[in-house]
Amino acid sequence: MAIIFCLVMLSVLITGVIGLFLQQLFSFSVEWPEFKNKLMHAIAELSVYIQQNFGMDKDKQIQLFDDFFSNSTSGIYPIIRNFAFSSLSALAFAIMVPFFTALILFNRKNYVTVLYSLFEDGKKTMIQEIIQETVHTYYNFVKGVSIVYIIVGCLNSIGLLILGIPHPFLFGFIASVLTFIPYVGIITASLLPITIAWITYDSYWYPLGVVMVFGFVQYLEGNFIFPFAVGSRLKINTLVTILAIILGGILWGAAGMILFVPFVAILKLIADRVPELKSLSLFLGTDPDSK
C-alpha cells in the first residue's frame, strides 16, 4: 500500500506538471491571432527598414528568404528525426520507471540482505548506517529542490511585477514548476508572458524584459541557488555541487544534472566512514574539521 500510495502521488504531480504545460499551450493559442497580427506588422516594418537602408526591394528579400529556407530544409529533417526518437525513448523510459521502482521497493529487504552478505559481520552496522542516511539524504535533496523552485518562482514573479506584466505570480510560479522539464519547460512557460507583454504595451522592450528576467533567474538557479540550497542540506560544498551538475549533464543529460548531486552525497557518506577515504570526504564536505 505504501508503494502504491507513493506512485500515485508521483503520478498526480507529473500529471499536474503536464497539465500546466498544456494550459500554457492552450492559453498561447488563444492569444495567437493578435500575436500573429503584431508579428506580421513587425515583419513589414523590418522589410521597409531593409529597403530604405540597404536598397533591397521586397522581391529580393523574398528571394533571399526562399533561398535560405530551401538550404535550411535539408538540415531540418535530421533534427526532427532525432527529436522524435529522443521523445519516444523518453516516453518509453518514463512508462517503465514506475514498474522498476515498484519492483525495487517491493524487494528492497532482499537487496539489503544481499548487501549485508557481501561484507564481514563487523561492517554490517556501518552498512546499515549508510543505508539509513542515504534515505535521509534523498529526503533532504527533495526538500532542497522544493526550496529552490519556491525561490525561483518568487524571483520570476518579482521580476514580472517590476515590469508590470499582468498576473506576475501566476506566470512566475508556472515558469518555476515547468523548469522540471529541461529546456522545453522554461521556453513554453515564457511564451504566454512574452505575448501578453507585447500585446499589452505594444513595445519590444517588455517582451525582451521578460526574456531577460527568466534568463537571469535561470542563471542564478543553475549556478548559485541550486548548489547552495541543495548542497548545504547534503553537506557537500558548492564547488563540488556545481561540478556534479556539469558532469551529470555531460554523461546523462538533464537527468544526470539532477541525480549526480545525491550520488555525490552518498559517496561522501561512504567516505566519512572509511578511513582510507578521509581525504575524499574532506574534499567533498563543507566542514574542514569533519572526521
C-alpha atoms as a PDB file:
ATOM      1  CA  MET A   1       0.000   0.000   0.000  1.00  0.00           C
ATOM      2  CA  ALA A   2       2.868   2.402   0.772  1.00  0.00           C
ATOM      3  CA  ILE A   3       4.442   1.732  -2.632  1.00  0.00           C
ATOM      4  CA  ILE A   4       1.138   2.260  -4.434  1.00  0.00           C
ATOM      5  CA  PHE A   5       0.466   5.460  -2.495  1.00  0.00           C
ATOM      6  CA  CYS A   6       3.901   6.904  -3.400  1.00  0.00           C
ATOM      7  CA  LEU A   7       3.497   6.046  -7.087  1.00  0.00           C
ATOM      8  CA  VAL A   8       0.003   7.530  -7.177  1.00  0.00           C
ATOM      9  CA  MET A   9       1.214  10.772  -5.584  1.00  0.00           C
ATOM     10  CA  LEU A  10       4.092  10.937  -8.051  1.00  0.00           C
ATOM     11  CA  SER A  11       1.676  10.355 -10.925  1.00  0.00           C
ATOM     12  CA  VAL A  12      -0.542  13.170  -9.661  1.00  0.00           C
ATOM     13  CA  LEU A  13       2.478  15.503  -9.530  1.00  0.00           C
ATOM     14  CA  ILE A  14       3.583  14.581 -13.057  1.00  0.00           C
ATOM     15  CA  THR A  15       0.017  14.941 -14.355  1.00  0.00           C
ATOM     16  CA  GLY A  16      -0.165  18.397 -12.770  1.00  0.00           C
ATOM     17  CA  VAL A  17       3.058  19.478 -14.462  1.00  0.00           C
ATOM     18  CA  ILE A  18       1.834  18.174 -17.823  1.00  0.00           C
ATOM     19  CA  GLY A  19      -1.473  19.962 -17.224  1.00  0.00           C
ATOM     20  CA  LEU A  20       0.349  23.254 -16.628  1.00  0.00           C
ATOM     21  CA  PHE A  21       2.354  22.643 -19.796  1.00  0.00           C
ATOM     22  CA  LEU A  22      -0.799  22.060 -21.870  1.00  0.00           C
ATOM     23  CA  GLN A  23      -2.573  25.002 -20.225  1.00  0.00           C
ATOM     24  CA  GLN A  24       0.274  27.268 -21.332  1.00  0.00           C
ATOM     25  CA  LEU A  25      -0.007  25.979 -24.891  1.00  0.00           C
ATOM     26  CA  PHE A  26      -3.795  26.478 -24.915  1.00  0.00           C
ATOM     27  CA  SER A  27      -3.520  29.994 -23.494  1.00  0.00           C
ATOM     28  CA  PHE A  28      -0.914  30.840 -26.103  1.00  0.00           C
ATOM     29  CA  SER A  29      -3.173  29.531 -28.884  1.00  0.00           C
ATOM     30  CA  VAL A  30      -5.934  31.884 -27.671  1.00  0.00           C
ATOM     31  CA  GLU A  31      -3.549  34.844 -27.898  1.00  0.00           C
ATOM     32  CA  TRP A  32      -2.106  33.682 -31.227  1.00  0.00           C
ATOM     33  CA  PRO A  33      -4.329  35.703 -33.672  1.00  0.00           C
ATOM     34  CA  GLU A  34      -3.397  39.057 -32.115  1.00  0.00           C
ATOM     35  CA  PHE A  35       0.196  37.928 -31.710  1.00  0.00           C
ATOM     36  CA  LYS A  36       0.268  36.940 -35.392  1.00  0.00           C
ATOM     37  CA  ASN A  37      -1.022  40.359 -36.468  1.00  0.00           C
ATOM     38  CA  LYS A  38       1.675  42.115 -34.452  1.00  0.00           C
ATOM     39  CA  LEU A  39       4.299  39.739 -35.829  1.00  0.00           C
ATOM     40  CA  MET A  40       3.252  40.422 -39.413  1.00  0.00           C
ATOM     41  CA  HIS A  41       3.305  44.158 -38.700  1.00  0.00           C
ATOM     42  CA  ALA A  42       6.810  43.865 -37.268  1.00  0.00           C
ATOM     43  CA  ILE A  43       7.984  41.903 -40.334  1.00  0.00           C
ATOM     44  CA  ALA A  44       6.510  44.583 -42.611  1.00  0.00           C
ATOM     45  CA  GLU A  45       8.342  47.319 -40.677  1.00  0.00           C
ATOM     46  CA  LEU A  46      11.579  45.348 -40.898  1.00  0.00           C
ATOM     47  CA  SER A  47      11.111  44.921 -44.635  1.00  0.00           C
ATOM     48  CA  VAL A  48      10.638  48.674 -45.082  1.00  0.00           C
ATOM     49  CA  TYR A  49      13.715  49.347 -42.933  1.00  0.00           C
ATOM     50  CA  ILE A  50      15.852  46.993 -45.040  1.00  0.00           C
ATOM     51  CA  GLN A  51      14.543  48.536 -48.241  1.00  0.00           C
ATOM     52  CA  GLN A  52      15.280  52.101 -47.084  1.00  0.00           C
ATOM     53  CA  ASN A  53      18.703  51.473 -45.553  1.00  0.00           C
ATOM     54  CA  PHE A  54      20.153  48.673 -47.713  1.00  0.00           C
ATOM     55  CA  GLY A  55      18.403  49.287 -51.039  1.00  0.00           C
ATOM     56  CA  MET A  56      16.980  45.762 -51.201  1.00  0.00           C
ATOM     57  CA  ASP A  57      13.453  45.700 -52.593  1.00  0.00           C
ATOM     58  CA  LYS A  58      10.748  43.286 -51.445  1.00  0.00           C
ATOM     59  CA  ASP A  59      11.263  40.873 -54.364  1.00  0.00           C
ATOM     60  CA  LYS A  60      14.942  40.455 -53.482  1.00  0.00           C
ATOM     61  CA  GLN A  61      14.050  39.976 -49.813  1.00  0.00           C
ATOM     62  CA  ILE A  62      11.527  37.280 -50.704  1.00  0.00           C
ATOM     63  CA  GLN A  63      14.052  35.572 -52.978  1.00  0.00           C
ATOM     64  CA  LEU A  64      16.705  35.696 -50.242  1.00  0.00           C
ATOM     65  CA  PHE A  65      14.242  34.210 -47.755  1.00  0.00           C
ATOM     66  CA  ASP A  66      13.245  31.426 -50.184  1.00  0.00           C
ATOM     67  CA  ASP A  67      16.908  30.541 -50.798  1.00  0.00           C
ATOM     68  CA  PHE A  68      17.632  30.466 -47.083  1.00  0.00           C
ATOM     69  CA  PHE A  69      14.591  28.292 -46.389  1.00  0.00           C
ATOM     70  CA  SER A  70      15.475  25.878 -49.201  1.00  0.00           C
ATOM     71  CA  ASN A  71      19.035  25.459 -47.936  1.00  0.00           C
ATOM     72  CA  SER A  72      17.837  25.000 -44.355  1.00  0.00           C
ATOM     73  CA  THR A  73      15.230  22.360 -45.169  1.00  0.00           C
ATOM     74  CA  SER A  74      17.815  19.638 -45.759  1.00  0.00           C
ATOM     75  CA  GLY A  75      19.192  20.158 -42.255  1.00  0.00           C
ATOM     76  CA  ILE A  76      15.820  20.276 -40.523  1.00  0.00           C
ATOM     77  CA  TYR A  77      14.793  16.662 -41.185  1.00  0.00           C
ATOM     78  CA  PRO A  78      17.662  15.052 -39.209  1.00  0.00           C
ATOM     79  CA  ILE A  79      16.872  17.364 -36.290  1.00  0.00           C
ATOM     80  CA  ILE A  80      13.187  16.394 -36.397  1.00  0.00           C
ATOM     81  CA  ARG A  81      14.079  12.703 -36.664  1.00  0.00           C
ATOM     82  CA  ASN A  82      16.458  12.869 -33.706  1.00  0.00           C
ATOM     83  CA  PHE A  83      13.942  14.833 -31.660  1.00  0.00           C
ATOM     84  CA  ALA A  84      11.184  12.310 -32.394  1.00  0.00           C
ATOM     85  CA  PHE A  85      13.469   9.379 -31.494  1.00  0.00           C
ATOM     86  CA  SER A  86      14.547  11.061 -28.260  1.00  0.00           C
ATOM     87  CA  SER A  87      10.942  11.856 -27.344  1.00  0.00           C
ATOM     88  CA  LEU A  88       9.769   8.278 -27.949  1.00  0.00           C
ATOM     89  CA  SER A  89      12.720   6.894 -25.978  1.00  0.00           C
ATOM     90  CA  ALA A  90      11.998   9.256 -23.085  1.00  0.00           C
ATOM     91  CA  LEU A  91       8.307   8.282 -23.164  1.00  0.00           C
ATOM     92  CA  ALA A  92       9.112   4.565 -23.091  1.00  0.00           C
ATOM     93  CA  PHE A  93      11.582   5.122 -20.258  1.00  0.00           C
ATOM     94  CA  ALA A  94       9.015   7.168 -18.316  1.00  0.00           C
ATOM     95  CA  ILE A  95       6.462   4.365 -18.671  1.00  0.00           C
ATOM     96  CA  MET A  96       8.899   1.712 -17.451  1.00  0.00           C
ATOM     97  CA  VAL A  97      10.303   3.677 -14.489  1.00  0.00           C
ATOM     98  CA  PRO A  98       7.229   3.196 -12.214  1.00  0.00           C
ATOM     99  CA  PHE A  99       7.324  -0.582 -12.765  1.00  0.00           C
ATOM    100  CA  PHE A 100      11.040  -0.807 -11.989  1.00  0.00           C
ATOM    101  CA  THR A 101      10.564   1.462  -8.978  1.00  0.00           C
ATOM    102  CA  ALA A 102       7.734  -0.673  -7.609  1.00  0.00           C
ATOM    103  CA  LEU A 103       9.758  -3.884  -8.042  1.00  0.00           C
ATOM    104  CA  ILE A 104      12.851  -2.399  -6.373  1.00  0.00           C
ATOM    105  CA  LEU A 105      10.834  -1.096  -3.424  1.00  0.00           C
ATOM    106  CA  PHE A 106       8.937  -4.378  -3.037  1.00  0.00           C
ATOM    107  CA  ASN A 107      12.173  -6.417  -2.967  1.00  0.00           C
ATOM    108  CA  ARG A 108      14.245  -3.870  -1.010  1.00  0.00           C
ATOM    109  CA  LYS A 109      14.691  -6.169   2.027  1.00  0.00           C
ATOM    110  CA  ASN A 110      16.161  -8.889  -0.159  1.00  0.00           C
ATOM    111  CA  TYR A 111      18.616  -6.431  -1.694  1.00  0.00           C
ATOM    112  CA  VAL A 112      19.689  -5.219   1.758  1.00  0.00           C
ATOM    113  CA  THR A 113      20.237  -8.814   2.860  1.00  0.00           C
ATOM    114  CA  VAL A 114      22.399  -9.450  -0.199  1.00  0.00           C
ATOM    115  CA  LEU A 115      24.373  -6.276   0.550  1.00  0.00           C
ATOM    116  CA  TYR A 116      24.983  -7.419   4.138  1.00  0.00           C
ATOM    117  CA  SER A 117      26.237 -10.794   2.913  1.00  0.00           C
ATOM    118  CA  LEU A 118      28.957  -9.113   0.845  1.00  0.00           C
ATOM    119  CA  PHE A 119      30.699  -7.687   3.944  1.00  0.00           C
ATOM    120  CA  GLU A 120      32.107  -9.027   7.149  1.00  0.00           C
ATOM    121  CA  ASP A 121      29.968  -9.157  10.277  1.00  0.00           C
ATOM    122  CA  GLY A 122      31.860  -6.284  11.837  1.00  0.00           C
ATOM    123  CA  LYS A 123      30.896  -3.939   8.994  1.00  0.00           C
ATOM    124  CA  LYS A 124      27.169  -4.656   8.942  1.00  0.00           C
ATOM    125  CA  THR A 125      26.481  -1.849  11.399  1.00  0.00           C
ATOM    126  CA  MET A 126      28.324   0.596   9.169  1.00  0.00           C
ATOM    127  CA  ILE A 127      26.373  -0.595   6.113  1.00  0.00           C
ATOM    128  CA  GLN A 128      23.087  -0.185   7.972  1.00  0.00           C
ATOM    129  CA  GLU A 129      24.014   3.381   8.976  1.00  0.00           C
ATOM    130  CA  ILE A 130      24.925   4.238   5.385  1.00  0.00           C
ATOM    131  CA  ILE A 131      21.614   2.876   4.097  1.00  0.00           C
ATOM    132  CA  GLN A 132      19.611   4.822   6.664  1.00  0.00           C
ATOM    133  CA  GLU A 133      21.482   8.044   5.999  1.00  0.00           C
ATOM    134  CA  THR A 134      21.067   7.515   2.255  1.00  0.00           C
ATOM    135  CA  VAL A 135      17.305   7.614   2.741  1.00  0.00           C
ATOM    136  CA  HIS A 136      17.638  10.849   4.735  1.00  0.00           C
ATOM    137  CA  THR A 137      19.965  12.236   2.047  1.00  0.00           C
ATOM    138  CA  TYR A 138      17.372  11.789  -0.679  1.00  0.00           C
ATOM    139  CA  TYR A 139      14.736  13.279   1.605  1.00  0.00           C
ATOM    140  CA  ASN A 140      16.913  16.346   2.178  1.00  0.00           C
ATOM    141  CA  PHE A 141      17.574  16.512  -1.552  1.00  0.00           C
ATOM    142  CA  VAL A 142      13.847  16.662  -2.306  1.00  0.00           C
ATOM    143  CA  LYS A 143      13.356  19.346   0.351  1.00  0.00           C
ATOM    144  CA  GLY A 144      16.238  21.357  -1.069  1.00  0.00           C
ATOM    145  CA  VAL A 145      14.884  21.143  -4.613  1.00  0.00           C
ATOM    146  CA  SER A 146      11.449  22.266  -3.375  1.00  0.00           C
ATOM    147  CA  ILE A 147      13.012  25.317  -1.727  1.00  0.00           C
ATOM    148  CA  VAL A 148      14.924  26.080  -4.920  1.00  0.00           C
ATOM    149  CA  TYR A 149      11.797  26.214  -7.041  1.00  0.00           C
ATOM    150  CA  ILE A 150       9.947  28.306  -4.460  1.00  0.00           C
ATOM    151  CA  ILE A 151      12.805  30.821  -4.602  1.00  0.00           C
ATOM    152  CA  VAL A 152      12.834  30.694  -8.409  1.00  0.00           C
ATOM    153  CA  GLY A 153       9.072  31.264  -8.504  1.00  0.00           C
ATOM    154  CA  CYS A 154       9.366  34.292  -6.199  1.00  0.00           C
ATOM    155  CA  LEU A 155      12.222  35.801  -8.231  1.00  0.00           C
ATOM    156  CA  ASN A 156      10.338  35.256 -11.506  1.00  0.00           C
ATOM    157  CA  SER A 157       7.222  36.848 -10.026  1.00  0.00           C
ATOM    158  CA  ILE A 158       9.086  39.860  -8.637  1.00  0.00           C
ATOM    159  CA  GLY A 159      10.767  40.458 -11.993  1.00  0.00           C
ATOM    160  CA  LEU A 160       7.462  40.277 -13.880  1.00  0.00           C
ATOM    161  CA  LEU A 161       5.817  42.504 -11.249  1.00  0.00           C
ATOM    162  CA  ILE A 162       8.500  45.165 -11.725  1.00  0.00           C
ATOM    163  CA  LEU A 163       7.932  45.034 -15.489  1.00  0.00           C
ATOM    164  CA  GLY A 164       4.196  45.450 -14.931  1.00  0.00           C
ATOM    165  CA  ILE A 165       3.204  42.167 -16.616  1.00  0.00           C
ATOM    166  CA  PRO A 166      -0.375  41.067 -15.741  1.00  0.00           C
ATOM    167  CA  HIS A 167      -0.699  38.078 -13.362  1.00  0.00           C
ATOM    168  CA  PRO A 168       3.030  38.064 -12.433  1.00  0.00           C
ATOM    169  CA  PHE A 169       2.785  35.473  -9.640  1.00  0.00           C
ATOM    170  CA  LEU A 170       0.817  33.061 -11.821  1.00  0.00           C
ATOM    171  CA  PHE A 171       3.345  33.242 -14.660  1.00  0.00           C
ATOM    172  CA  GLY A 172       6.312  33.285 -12.277  1.00  0.00           C
ATOM    173  CA  PHE A 173       5.393  30.113 -10.433  1.00  0.00           C
ATOM    174  CA  ILE A 174       4.201  28.314 -13.579  1.00  0.00           C
ATOM    175  CA  ALA A 175       7.641  29.006 -15.062  1.00  0.00           C
ATOM    176  CA  SER A 176       9.251  27.728 -11.859  1.00  0.00           C
ATOM    177  CA  VAL A 177       7.277  24.475 -11.906  1.00  0.00           C
ATOM    178  CA  LEU A 178       7.840  23.896 -15.611  1.00  0.00           C
ATOM    179  CA  THR A 179      11.607  24.136 -15.185  1.00  0.00           C
ATOM    180  CA  PHE A 180      11.326  20.487 -14.085  1.00  0.00           C
ATOM    181  CA  ILE A 181      11.004  19.875 -17.843  1.00  0.00           C
ATOM    182  CA  PRO A 182      14.518  20.743 -19.065  1.00  0.00           C
ATOM    183  CA  TYR A 183      14.836  23.414 -21.780  1.00  0.00           C
ATOM    184  CA  VAL A 184      11.334  22.940 -23.232  1.00  0.00           C
ATOM    185  CA  GLY A 185       9.617  23.824 -19.949  1.00  0.00           C
ATOM    186  CA  ILE A 186      11.083  27.304 -19.493  1.00  0.00           C
ATOM    187  CA  ILE A 187      10.624  28.113 -23.191  1.00  0.00           C
ATOM    188  CA  THR A 188       6.950  27.148 -23.093  1.00  0.00           C
ATOM    189  CA  ALA A 189       6.414  28.969 -19.791  1.00  0.00           C
ATOM    190  CA  SER A 190       7.847  32.173 -21.244  1.00  0.00           C
ATOM    191  CA  LEU A 191       5.709  32.222 -24.400  1.00  0.00           C
ATOM    192  CA  LEU A 192       2.499  33.500 -22.801  1.00  0.00           C
ATOM    193  CA  PRO A 193       4.027  36.307 -20.663  1.00  0.00           C
ATOM    194  CA  ILE A 194       6.098  37.418 -23.661  1.00  0.00           C
ATOM    195  CA  THR A 195       2.961  37.527 -25.809  1.00  0.00           C
ATOM    196  CA  ILE A 196       0.934  39.370 -23.175  1.00  0.00           C
ATOM    197  CA  ALA A 197       3.782  41.857 -22.658  1.00  0.00           C
ATOM    198  CA  TRP A 198       3.885  42.606 -26.386  1.00  0.00           C
ATOM    199  CA  ILE A 199       0.084  42.908 -26.683  1.00  0.00           C
ATOM    200  CA  THR A 200      -0.305  44.986 -23.508  1.00  0.00           C
ATOM    201  CA  TYR A 201       2.453  47.547 -24.084  1.00  0.00           C
ATOM    202  CA  ASP A 202       2.949  47.373 -27.868  1.00  0.00           C
ATOM    203  CA  SER A 203       6.705  47.575 -27.377  1.00  0.00           C
ATOM    204  CA  TYR A 204       9.637  45.276 -27.995  1.00  0.00           C
ATOM    205  CA  TRP A 205      11.301  46.200 -24.708  1.00  0.00           C
ATOM    206  CA  TYR A 206       8.770  44.495 -22.448  1.00  0.00           C
ATOM    207  CA  PRO A 207       8.983  41.051 -24.149  1.00  0.00           C
ATOM    208  CA  LEU A 208      12.763  41.457 -24.091  1.00  0.00           C
ATOM    209  CA  GLY A 209      12.489  42.271 -20.398  1.00  0.00           C
ATOM    210  CA  VAL A 210      10.565  39.043 -19.768  1.00  0.00           C
ATOM    211  CA  VAL A 211      13.278  37.058 -21.557  1.00  0.00           C
ATOM    212  CA  MET A 212      15.963  38.813 -19.511  1.00  0.00           C
ATOM    213  CA  VAL A 213      14.125  38.139 -16.219  1.00  0.00           C
ATOM    214  CA  PHE A 214      13.682  34.425 -16.929  1.00  0.00           C
ATOM    215  CA  GLY A 215      17.202  34.080 -18.307  1.00  0.00           C
ATOM    216  CA  PHE A 216      18.793  35.845 -15.325  1.00  0.00           C
ATOM    217  CA  VAL A 217      16.780  33.803 -12.807  1.00  0.00           C
ATOM    218  CA  GLN A 218      17.707  30.580 -14.597  1.00  0.00           C
ATOM    219  CA  TYR A 219      21.369  31.594 -14.455  1.00  0.00           C
ATOM    220  CA  LEU A 220      21.076  32.247 -10.713  1.00  0.00           C
ATOM    221  CA  GLU A 221      19.222  28.953 -10.201  1.00  0.00           C
ATOM    222  CA  GLY A 222      21.793  26.858 -12.016  1.00  0.00           C
ATOM    223  CA  ASN A 223      24.943  28.475 -10.629  1.00  0.00           C
ATOM    224  CA  PHE A 224      24.065  29.765  -7.163  1.00  0.00           C
ATOM    225  CA  ILE A 225      20.605  28.914  -5.778  1.00  0.00           C
ATOM    226  CA  PHE A 226      20.568  25.183  -6.564  1.00  0.00           C
ATOM    227  CA  PRO A 227      24.171  24.464  -5.485  1.00  0.00           C
ATOM    228  CA  PHE A 228      23.803  26.475  -2.264  1.00  0.00           C
ATOM    229  CA  ALA A 229      20.305  25.327  -1.192  1.00  0.00           C
ATOM    230  CA  VAL A 230      20.750  21.671  -2.121  1.00  0.00           C
ATOM    231  CA  GLY A 231      24.463  21.331  -1.416  1.00  0.00           C
ATOM    232  CA  SER A 232      24.166  22.760   2.108  1.00  0.00           C
ATOM    233  CA  ARG A 233      21.436  20.252   3.001  1.00  0.00           C
ATOM    234  CA  LEU A 234      23.500  17.376   1.664  1.00  0.00           C
ATOM    235  CA  LYS A 235      26.652  18.674   3.426  1.00  0.00           C
ATOM    236  CA  ILE A 236      28.665  18.925   0.211  1.00  0.00           C
ATOM    237  CA  ASN A 237      30.349  22.155  -0.786  1.00  0.00           C
ATOM    238  CA  THR A 238      29.147  24.434  -3.570  1.00  0.00           C
ATOM    239  CA  LEU A 239      32.073  23.772  -5.922  1.00  0.00           C
ATOM    240  CA  VAL A 240      31.533  20.016  -5.820  1.00  0.00           C
ATOM    241  CA  THR A 241      27.796  20.519  -6.363  1.00  0.00           C
ATOM    242  CA  ILE A 242      28.428  22.603  -9.489  1.00  0.00           C
ATOM    243  CA  LEU A 243      30.948  20.052 -10.780  1.00  0.00           C
ATOM    244  CA  ALA A 244      28.421  17.244 -10.177  1.00  0.00           C
ATOM    245  CA  ILE A 245      25.774  19.158 -12.146  1.00  0.00           C
ATOM    246  CA  ILE A 246      28.163  19.755 -15.065  1.00  0.00           C
ATOM    247  CA  LEU A 247      29.480  16.177 -15.113  1.00  0.00           C
ATOM    248  CA  GLY A 248      25.965  14.757 -14.794  1.00  0.00           C
ATOM    249  CA  GLY A 249      24.803  16.885 -17.716  1.00  0.00           C
ATOM    250  CA  ILE A 250      27.706  15.656 -19.862  1.00  0.00           C
ATOM    251  CA  LEU A 251      27.170  11.969 -19.062  1.00  0.00           C
ATOM    252  CA  TRP A 252      23.395  11.618 -18.596  1.00  0.00           C
ATOM    253  CA  GLY A 253      21.924  14.837 -19.902  1.00  0.00           C
ATOM    254  CA  ALA A 254      19.185  16.610 -17.945  1.00  0.00           C
ATOM    255  CA  ALA A 255      18.584  13.601 -15.664  1.00  0.00           C
ATOM    256  CA  GLY A 256      22.256  13.485 -14.719  1.00  0.00           C
ATOM    257  CA  MET A 257      22.209  17.171 -13.738  1.00  0.00           C
ATOM    258  CA  ILE A 258      19.672  16.264 -11.044  1.00  0.00           C
ATOM    259  CA  LEU A 259      20.752  12.756  -9.992  1.00  0.00           C
ATOM    260  CA  PHE A 260      24.509  13.247  -9.722  1.00  0.00           C
ATOM    261  CA  VAL A 261      24.142  15.611  -6.761  1.00  0.00           C
ATOM    262  CA  PRO A 262      22.615  12.987  -4.398  1.00  0.00           C
ATOM    263  CA  PHE A 263      25.052  10.427  -5.825  1.00  0.00           C
ATOM    264  CA  VAL A 264      27.932  12.610  -4.650  1.00  0.00           C
ATOM    265  CA  ALA A 265      26.240  12.995  -1.250  1.00  0.00           C
ATOM    266  CA  ILE A 266      26.049   9.194  -0.909  1.00  0.00           C
ATOM    267  CA  LEU A 267      29.711   8.941  -1.925  1.00  0.00           C
ATOM    268  CA  LYS A 268      30.522  11.346   0.916  1.00  0.00           C
ATOM    269  CA  LEU A 269      28.538   9.195   3.372  1.00  0.00           C
ATOM    270  CA  ILE A 270      30.715   6.246   2.433  1.00  0.00           C
ATOM    271  CA  ALA A 271      33.919   8.291   2.546  1.00  0.00           C
ATOM    272  CA  ASP A 272      33.038   9.580   6.042  1.00  0.00           C
ATOM    273  CA  ARG A 273      33.127   6.010   7.380  1.00  0.00           C
ATOM    274  CA  VAL A 274      36.142   4.650   5.542  1.00  0.00           C
ATOM    275  CA  PRO A 275      39.475   5.859   6.981  1.00  0.00           C
ATOM    276  CA  GLU A 276      41.232   5.347   3.643  1.00  0.00           C
ATOM    277  CA  LEU A 277      38.831   7.841   2.023  1.00  0.00           C
ATOM    278  CA  LYS A 278      39.213  10.637   4.571  1.00  0.00           C
ATOM    279  CA  SER A 279      40.831  12.964   2.006  1.00  0.00           C
ATOM    280  CA  LEU A 280      37.880  12.458  -0.349  1.00  0.00           C
ATOM    281  CA  SER A 281      35.470  13.199   2.495  1.00  0.00           C
ATOM    282  CA  LEU A 282      37.272  16.456   3.248  1.00  0.00           C
ATOM    283  CA  PHE A 283      37.245  17.430  -0.428  1.00  0.00           C
ATOM    284  CA  LEU A 284      33.505  16.811  -0.805  1.00  0.00           C
ATOM    285  CA  GLY A 285      32.364  18.215   2.526  1.00  0.00           C
ATOM    286  CA  THR A 286      31.730  21.694   3.891  1.00  0.00           C
ATOM    287  CA  ASP A 287      33.354  21.232   7.306  1.00  0.00           C
ATOM    288  CA  PRO A 288      37.157  21.051   7.198  1.00  0.00           C
ATOM    289  CA  ASP A 289      37.188  19.616  10.742  1.00  0.00           C
ATOM    290  CA  SER A 290      34.903  16.682   9.881  1.00  0.00           C
ATOM    291  CA  LYS A 291      36.293  13.239  10.526  1.00  0.00           C
END
